[in-house]
């Protein structure tokens, strides 16, 4: 089982990026995106199962989506801010729960760096 994240990069404030995560080895119910900034704990960003859920800090700017045929999940990030700078991780669980706790996701991608310059 593997999750492969991609799409990070350097962008200016107000710009956009689209992260992708492809899963292989099995299918998943809930996908989540988390992020970890330097010196900070990893935090929840968004999740998707039958619906979508967002952290307050990204609600209205980020959109999570999935393509079940491709075993993929995406995170469209618009109106990026310097405080969005972090390593972004995709995560997955086999059930369809709505947990925002990272320790409840057994499968993780390798992370992709997002840097937003001011």
C-alpha atoms as a PDB file:
ATOM      1  CA  UNK A   1       0.000   0.000   0.000  1.00  0.00           C
ATOM      2  CA  UNK A   2       1.401   3.351  -1.014  1.00  0.00           C
ATOM      3  CA  UNK A   3       0.306   6.972  -1.147  1.00  0.00           C
ATOM      4  CA  UNK A   4       2.255   9.240  -3.463  1.00  0.00           C
ATOM      5  CA  UNK A   5       1.796  12.984  -3.037  1.00  0.00           C
ATOM      6  CA  UNK A   6       2.899  15.608  -5.528  1.00  0.00           C
ATOM      7  CA  UNK A   7       2.231  19.144  -6.657  1.00  0.00           C
ATOM      8  CA  UNK A   8       3.981  21.238  -4.055  1.00  0.00           C
ATOM      9  CA  UNK A   9       6.181  24.162  -4.913  1.00  0.00           C
ATOM     10  CA  UNK A  10       6.960  27.819  -4.400  1.00  0.00           C
ATOM     11  CA  UNK A  11       4.207  30.352  -5.025  1.00  0.00           C
ATOM     12  CA  UNK A  12       3.610  33.997  -4.207  1.00  0.00           C
ATOM     13  CA  UNK A  13       0.970  35.208  -1.789  1.00  0.00           C
ATOM     14  CA  UNK A  14      -2.422  35.004  -3.431  1.00  0.00           C
ATOM     15  CA  UNK A  15      -1.353  32.274  -5.806  1.00  0.00           C
ATOM     16  CA  UNK A  16      -2.678  28.756  -6.259  1.00  0.00           C
ATOM     17  CA  UNK A  17      -1.384  25.215  -6.177  1.00  0.00           C
ATOM     18  CA  UNK A  18      -3.020  21.839  -6.699  1.00  0.00           C
ATOM     19  CA  UNK A  19      -1.774  18.891  -4.727  1.00  0.00           C
ATOM     20  CA  UNK A  20      -2.394  15.346  -5.874  1.00  0.00           C
ATOM     21  CA  UNK A  21      -2.159  12.052  -4.059  1.00  0.00           C
ATOM     22  CA  UNK A  22      -2.386   8.693  -5.779  1.00  0.00           C
ATOM     23  CA  UNK A  23      -3.096   5.575  -3.763  1.00  0.00           C
ATOM     24  CA  UNK A  24      -2.034   2.103  -4.789  1.00  0.00           C
ATOM     25  CA  UNK A  25      -2.506  -1.305  -3.272  1.00  0.00           C
ATOM     26  CA  UNK A  26      -6.045  -0.886  -2.017  1.00  0.00           C
ATOM     27  CA  UNK A  27      -9.015   1.421  -1.986  1.00  0.00           C
ATOM     28  CA  UNK A  28      -9.815   3.806   0.829  1.00  0.00           C
ATOM     29  CA  UNK A  29     -12.893   5.341   2.348  1.00  0.00           C
ATOM     30  CA  UNK A  30     -11.652   8.599   3.827  1.00  0.00           C
ATOM     31  CA  UNK A  31      -8.751  10.660   2.565  1.00  0.00           C
ATOM     32  CA  UNK A  32      -7.267  13.502   4.515  1.00  0.00           C
ATOM     33  CA  UNK A  33      -4.737  16.250   3.986  1.00  0.00           C
ATOM     34  CA  UNK A  34      -2.583  17.387   6.882  1.00  0.00           C
ATOM     35  CA  UNK A  35       0.285  19.840   7.066  1.00  0.00           C
ATOM     36  CA  UNK A  36       3.244  20.529   9.283  1.00  0.00           C
ATOM     37  CA  UNK A  37       5.021  23.844   9.429  1.00  0.00           C
ATOM     38  CA  UNK A  38       8.552  24.176  10.835  1.00  0.00           C
ATOM     39  CA  UNK A  39       8.506  24.010  14.616  1.00  0.00           C
ATOM     40  CA  UNK A  40       4.806  23.195  14.757  1.00  0.00           C
ATOM     41  CA  UNK A  41       2.738  20.082  15.196  1.00  0.00           C
ATOM     42  CA  UNK A  42       1.073  18.443  12.264  1.00  0.00           C
ATOM     43  CA  UNK A  43      -2.428  19.805  11.769  1.00  0.00           C
ATOM     44  CA  UNK A  44      -5.565  18.824   9.958  1.00  0.00           C
ATOM     45  CA  UNK A  45      -6.355  20.624   6.710  1.00  0.00           C
ATOM     46  CA  UNK A  46      -9.224  18.796   5.002  1.00  0.00           C
ATOM     47  CA  UNK A  47     -10.837  15.414   4.578  1.00  0.00           C
ATOM     48  CA  UNK A  48     -13.224  13.785   2.162  1.00  0.00           C
ATOM     49  CA  UNK A  49     -15.452  10.782   2.526  1.00  0.00           C
ATOM     50  CA  UNK A  50     -19.071  11.166   1.453  1.00  0.00           C
ATOM     51  CA  UNK A  51     -18.671  14.844   2.207  1.00  0.00           C
ATOM     52  CA  UNK A  52     -15.917  17.324   2.763  1.00  0.00           C
ATOM     53  CA  UNK A  53     -14.600  18.920   5.933  1.00  0.00           C
ATOM     54  CA  UNK A  54     -12.109  21.752   6.330  1.00  0.00           C
ATOM     55  CA  UNK A  55     -10.041  23.400   8.987  1.00  0.00           C
ATOM     56  CA  UNK A  56     -11.281  26.888   9.700  1.00  0.00           C
ATOM     57  CA  UNK A  57      -8.026  28.416   8.521  1.00  0.00           C
ATOM     58  CA  UNK A  58      -8.469  27.075   4.969  1.00  0.00           C
ATOM     59  CA  UNK A  59     -12.239  26.978   4.616  1.00  0.00           C
ATOM     60  CA  UNK A  60     -13.275  28.929   1.544  1.00  0.00           C
ATOM     61  CA  UNK A  61      -9.784  28.885   0.046  1.00  0.00           C
ATOM     62  CA  UNK A  62      -9.002  25.172  -0.276  1.00  0.00           C
ATOM     63  CA  UNK A  63     -11.057  22.480  -1.981  1.00  0.00           C
ATOM     64  CA  UNK A  64     -10.575  18.761  -1.508  1.00  0.00           C
ATOM     65  CA  UNK A  65     -11.822  16.342  -4.139  1.00  0.00           C
ATOM     66  CA  UNK A  66     -11.373  12.720  -5.121  1.00  0.00           C
ATOM     67  CA  UNK A  67     -11.448  10.551  -8.209  1.00  0.00           C
ATOM     68  CA  UNK A  68     -12.329   7.024  -7.136  1.00  0.00           C
ATOM     69  CA  UNK A  69     -11.613   5.601 -10.576  1.00  0.00           C
ATOM     70  CA  UNK A  70      -8.042   6.825 -10.236  1.00  0.00           C
ATOM     71  CA  UNK A  71      -7.702   6.143  -6.494  1.00  0.00           C
ATOM     72  CA  UNK A  72      -6.706   9.760  -6.135  1.00  0.00           C
ATOM     73  CA  UNK A  73      -7.379  12.738  -3.940  1.00  0.00           C
ATOM     74  CA  UNK A  74      -6.636  16.369  -4.694  1.00  0.00           C
ATOM     75  CA  UNK A  75      -6.272  19.596  -2.771  1.00  0.00           C
ATOM     76  CA  UNK A  76      -6.851  22.789  -4.719  1.00  0.00           C
ATOM     77  CA  UNK A  77      -5.334  25.652  -2.771  1.00  0.00           C
ATOM     78  CA  UNK A  78      -6.256  29.195  -3.733  1.00  0.00           C
ATOM     79  CA  UNK A  79      -5.499  32.581  -2.195  1.00  0.00           C
ATOM     80  CA  UNK A  80      -2.434  31.142  -0.552  1.00  0.00           C
ATOM     81  CA  UNK A  81      -0.889  32.933   2.380  1.00  0.00           C
ATOM     82  CA  UNK A  82       2.609  32.736   3.904  1.00  0.00           C
ATOM     83  CA  UNK A  83       1.104  30.927   6.890  1.00  0.00           C
ATOM     84  CA  UNK A  84       0.104  28.095   4.562  1.00  0.00           C
ATOM     85  CA  UNK A  85       3.788  27.263   4.157  1.00  0.00           C
ATOM     86  CA  UNK A  86       4.284  23.689   5.334  1.00  0.00           C
ATOM     87  CA  UNK A  87       4.918  20.142   4.273  1.00  0.00           C
ATOM     88  CA  UNK A  88       1.580  18.746   3.157  1.00  0.00           C
ATOM     89  CA  UNK A  89       0.748  15.095   3.679  1.00  0.00           C
ATOM     90  CA  UNK A  90      -2.037  13.000   2.289  1.00  0.00           C
ATOM     91  CA  UNK A  91      -3.420  10.291   4.529  1.00  0.00           C
ATOM     92  CA  UNK A  92      -6.036   7.602   4.206  1.00  0.00           C
ATOM     93  CA  UNK A  93      -8.115   5.185   6.171  1.00  0.00           C
ATOM     94  CA  UNK A  94     -10.108   2.216   4.978  1.00  0.00           C
ATOM     95  CA  UNK A  95     -13.342   3.178   6.701  1.00  0.00           C
ATOM     96  CA  UNK A  96     -15.410   6.296   6.065  1.00  0.00           C
ATOM     97  CA  UNK A  97     -14.872   8.070   9.365  1.00  0.00           C
ATOM     98  CA  UNK A  98     -14.597  11.808   9.771  1.00  0.00           C
ATOM     99  CA  UNK A  99     -11.745  11.993  12.235  1.00  0.00           C
ATOM    100  CA  UNK A 100      -9.468  15.001  12.074  1.00  0.00           C
ATOM    101  CA  UNK A 101      -6.861  13.287  14.256  1.00  0.00           C
ATOM    102  CA  UNK A 102      -3.736  12.325  12.373  1.00  0.00           C
ATOM    103  CA  UNK A 103      -3.130   9.249  14.538  1.00  0.00           C
ATOM    104  CA  UNK A 104      -6.384   7.744  13.299  1.00  0.00           C
ATOM    105  CA  UNK A 105      -5.043   7.541   9.744  1.00  0.00           C
ATOM    106  CA  UNK A 106      -2.878   4.450   9.252  1.00  0.00           C
ATOM    107  CA  UNK A 107      -1.690   5.237   5.726  1.00  0.00           C
ATOM    108  CA  UNK A 108       0.471   8.220   4.805  1.00  0.00           C
ATOM    109  CA  UNK A 109       2.168   9.711   1.802  1.00  0.00           C
ATOM    110  CA  UNK A 110       5.688  11.085   1.883  1.00  0.00           C
ATOM    111  CA  UNK A 111       4.778  14.788   2.013  1.00  0.00           C
ATOM    112  CA  UNK A 112       5.196  17.607  -0.449  1.00  0.00           C
ATOM    113  CA  UNK A 113       6.605  21.034   0.373  1.00  0.00           C
ATOM    114  CA  UNK A 114       4.459  24.116  -0.153  1.00  0.00           C
ATOM    115  CA  UNK A 115       6.168  27.469   0.259  1.00  0.00           C
ATOM    116  CA  UNK A 116       4.266  30.733  -0.028  1.00  0.00           C
ATOM    117  CA  UNK A 117       6.407  33.835  -0.342  1.00  0.00           C
ATOM    118  CA  UNK A 118       5.250  37.228   0.881  1.00  0.00           C
END
